[in-house]
C-alpha atoms as a PDB file:
ATOM      1  CA  MET A   1      -5.065  -3.802  20.034  1.00  0.00           C
ATOM      2  CA  ASP A   2      -7.751  -1.827  21.806  1.00  0.00           C
ATOM      3  CA  VAL A   3      -7.475   1.322  23.928  1.00  0.00           C
ATOM      4  CA  HIS A   4      -6.967  -0.816  27.048  1.00  0.00           C
ATOM      5  CA  GLY A   5      -3.955  -2.595  25.517  1.00  0.00           C
ATOM      6  CA  LYS A   6      -5.809  -5.869  24.948  1.00  0.00           C
ATOM      7  CA  ARG A   7      -4.720  -7.791  21.875  1.00  0.00           C
ATOM      8  CA  TRP A   8      -7.645  -9.261  19.974  1.00  0.00           C
ATOM      9  CA  ASN A   9      -7.069 -12.156  17.602  1.00  0.00           C
ATOM     10  CA  ARG A  10      -9.073 -12.600  14.402  1.00  0.00           C
ATOM     11  CA  GLU A  11     -11.527 -15.019  16.009  1.00  0.00           C
ATOM     12  CA  GLU A  12     -12.207 -12.686  18.955  1.00  0.00           C
ATOM     13  CA  VAL A  13     -12.731  -9.648  16.719  1.00  0.00           C
ATOM     14  CA  GLY A  14     -15.123 -11.652  14.561  1.00  0.00           C
ATOM     15  CA  LYS A  15     -17.185 -12.666  17.588  1.00  0.00           C
ATOM     16  CA  GLU A  16     -16.996  -9.336  19.459  1.00  0.00           C
ATOM     17  CA  PHE A  17     -16.779  -6.799  16.616  1.00  0.00           C
ATOM     18  CA  GLU A  18     -19.470  -4.580  18.155  1.00  0.00           C
ATOM     19  CA  ILE A  19     -17.621  -4.367  21.481  1.00  0.00           C
ATOM     20  CA  VAL A  20     -14.321  -3.422  19.844  1.00  0.00           C
ATOM     21  CA  PHE A  21     -15.703  -0.803  17.440  1.00  0.00           C
ATOM     22  CA  ALA A  22     -18.923   0.409  19.139  1.00  0.00           C
ATOM     23  CA  PRO A  23     -17.369   3.585  20.641  1.00  0.00           C
ATOM     24  CA  TYR A  24     -16.429   4.720  17.116  1.00  0.00           C
ATOM     25  CA  ALA A  25     -19.934   4.198  15.697  1.00  0.00           C
ATOM     26  CA  LYS A  26     -21.681   6.521  18.171  1.00  0.00           C
ATOM     27  CA  LYS A  27     -23.568   9.537  16.825  1.00  0.00           C
ATOM     28  CA  ASN A  28     -21.320  12.114  18.460  1.00  0.00           C
ATOM     29  CA  ALA A  29     -18.017  10.370  17.597  1.00  0.00           C
ATOM     30  CA  GLU A  30     -15.971  12.381  15.124  1.00  0.00           C
ATOM     31  CA  TYR A  31     -12.769  11.487  13.332  1.00  0.00           C
ATOM     32  CA  MET A  32      -9.974  13.249  11.509  1.00  0.00           C
ATOM     33  CA  ILE A  33      -7.321  11.544   9.423  1.00  0.00           C
ATOM     34  CA  GLU A  34      -4.119  12.933  10.932  1.00  0.00           C
ATOM     35  CA  GLU A  35      -1.689  11.273   8.575  1.00  0.00           C
ATOM     36  CA  THR A  36      -1.737   8.889   5.631  1.00  0.00           C
ATOM     37  CA  LEU A  37       1.472   6.857   5.580  1.00  0.00           C
ATOM     38  CA  VAL A  38       0.705   4.579   2.619  1.00  0.00           C
ATOM     39  CA  ASP A  39      -2.081   4.992   0.051  1.00  0.00           C
ATOM     40  CA  THR A  40      -1.893   2.614  -2.894  1.00  0.00           C
ATOM     41  CA  SER A  41      -4.520   0.704  -4.846  1.00  0.00           C
ATOM     42  CA  ASP A  42      -4.276  -2.245  -2.446  1.00  0.00           C
ATOM     43  CA  VAL A  43      -2.919  -0.920   0.897  1.00  0.00           C
ATOM     44  CA  LEU A  44      -3.866   2.010   3.139  1.00  0.00           C
ATOM     45  CA  VAL A  45      -1.970   2.879   6.318  1.00  0.00           C
ATOM     46  CA  ALA A  46      -3.337   5.851   8.235  1.00  0.00           C
ATOM     47  CA  VAL A  47      -3.441   7.494  11.645  1.00  0.00           C
ATOM     48  CA  VAL A  48      -6.920   8.611  12.704  1.00  0.00           C
ATOM     49  CA  LEU A  49      -7.771  10.869  15.643  1.00  0.00           C
ATOM     50  CA  TRP A  50     -11.168  10.075  17.194  1.00  0.00           C
ATOM     51  CA  LYS A  51     -13.042  12.597  19.314  1.00  0.00           C
ATOM     52  CA  ASN A  52     -15.958  11.699  21.629  1.00  0.00           C
ATOM     53  CA  ALA A  53     -15.448   7.941  21.228  1.00  0.00           C
ATOM     54  CA  ILE A  54     -15.898   7.561  24.975  1.00  0.00           C
ATOM     55  CA  LEU A  55     -15.573   4.199  26.656  1.00  0.00           C
ATOM     56  CA  ALA A  56     -17.547   3.758  29.864  1.00  0.00           C
ATOM     57  CA  SER A  57     -14.449   2.728  31.794  1.00  0.00           C
ATOM     58  CA  MET A  58     -12.324   5.646  30.476  1.00  0.00           C
ATOM     59  CA  GLU A  59     -14.605   8.672  30.767  1.00  0.00           C
ATOM     60  CA  ARG A  60     -11.723  11.126  31.150  1.00  0.00           C
ATOM     61  CA  VAL A  61     -10.106  10.003  27.890  1.00  0.00           C
ATOM     62  CA  TRP A  62     -12.347  11.367  25.171  1.00  0.00           C
ATOM     63  CA  MET A  63      -9.787  11.280  22.345  1.00  0.00           C
ATOM     64  CA  HIS A  64      -8.159   8.212  20.844  1.00  0.00           C
ATOM     65  CA  ARG A  65      -5.487   7.865  18.185  1.00  0.00           C
ATOM     66  CA  MET A  66      -6.040   4.846  15.945  1.00  0.00           C
ATOM     67  CA  SER A  67      -3.357   3.472  13.647  1.00  0.00           C
ATOM     68  CA  VAL A  68      -4.968   1.323  10.996  1.00  0.00           C
ATOM     69  CA  VAL A  69      -3.774  -0.849   8.116  1.00  0.00           C
ATOM     70  CA  LEU A  70      -6.345  -1.749   5.462  1.00  0.00           C
ATOM     71  CA  VAL A  71      -5.725  -4.117   2.559  1.00  0.00           C
ATOM     72  CA  ARG A  72      -7.824  -4.926  -0.473  1.00  0.00           C
ATOM     73  CA  GLU A  73      -9.254  -8.428  -0.307  1.00  0.00           C
ATOM     74  CA  GLY A  74      -8.496 -10.000  -3.688  1.00  0.00           C
ATOM     75  CA  VAL A  75      -6.902  -8.436  -6.735  1.00  0.00           C
ATOM     76  CA  ARG A  76      -9.855  -6.792  -8.481  1.00  0.00           C
ATOM     77  CA  GLU A  77     -10.513  -3.120  -7.772  1.00  0.00           C
ATOM     78  CA  ASP A  78     -14.109  -3.835  -6.746  1.00  0.00           C
ATOM     79  CA  GLU A  79     -12.985  -6.165  -3.927  1.00  0.00           C
ATOM     80  CA  GLU A  80     -13.721  -5.094  -0.355  1.00  0.00           C
ATOM     81  CA  TRP A  81     -11.172  -3.575   2.005  1.00  0.00           C
ATOM     82  CA  VAL A  82     -10.403  -5.472   5.209  1.00  0.00           C
ATOM     83  CA  ILE A  83      -8.718  -4.376   8.419  1.00  0.00           C
ATOM     84  CA  LEU A  84      -5.312  -6.012   8.707  1.00  0.00           C
ATOM     85  CA  LEU A  85      -4.261  -4.166  11.869  1.00  0.00           C
ATOM     86  CA  ALA A  86      -5.762  -1.547  14.171  1.00  0.00           C
ATOM     87  CA  GLN A  87      -4.151  -0.160  17.303  1.00  0.00           C
ATOM     88  CA  VAL A  88      -5.811   2.403  19.554  1.00  0.00           C
ATOM     89  CA  THR A  89      -4.057   4.687  22.023  1.00  0.00           C
ATOM     90  CA  PRO A  90      -5.806   7.052  24.457  1.00  0.00           C
ATOM     91  CA  VAL A  91      -4.841  10.706  23.984  1.00  0.00           C
ATOM     92  CA  GLN A  92      -4.655  12.641  27.239  1.00  0.00           C
ATOM     93  CA  ASN A  93      -3.550  15.888  25.606  1.00  0.00           C
ATOM     94  CA  PRO A  94      -5.258  16.754  22.292  1.00  0.00           C
ATOM     95  CA  HIS A  95      -2.042  18.440  21.094  1.00  0.00           C
ATOM     96  CA  ALA A  96       0.088  15.318  21.705  1.00  0.00           C
END
């Protein structure tokens, strides 16, 4: 789910990955892991606060809180991590 509340299915994210994640790949975008809820060898659940990940349509909202669930693809430790779920919420007050 993106910052606008749009749910993206797997097919859409695959086709439009750059659109969904581009604001977080910008040079001035910074992140801080606020909380790690689960951290095992095959699952990671974390809350990340993004600063300066500005979307053109939301210029006043310069901070986003992203909840993310990552899982290891396969059973070997050298397997890649994949995003199982990501939800983004605009943060109006940085202390919220």
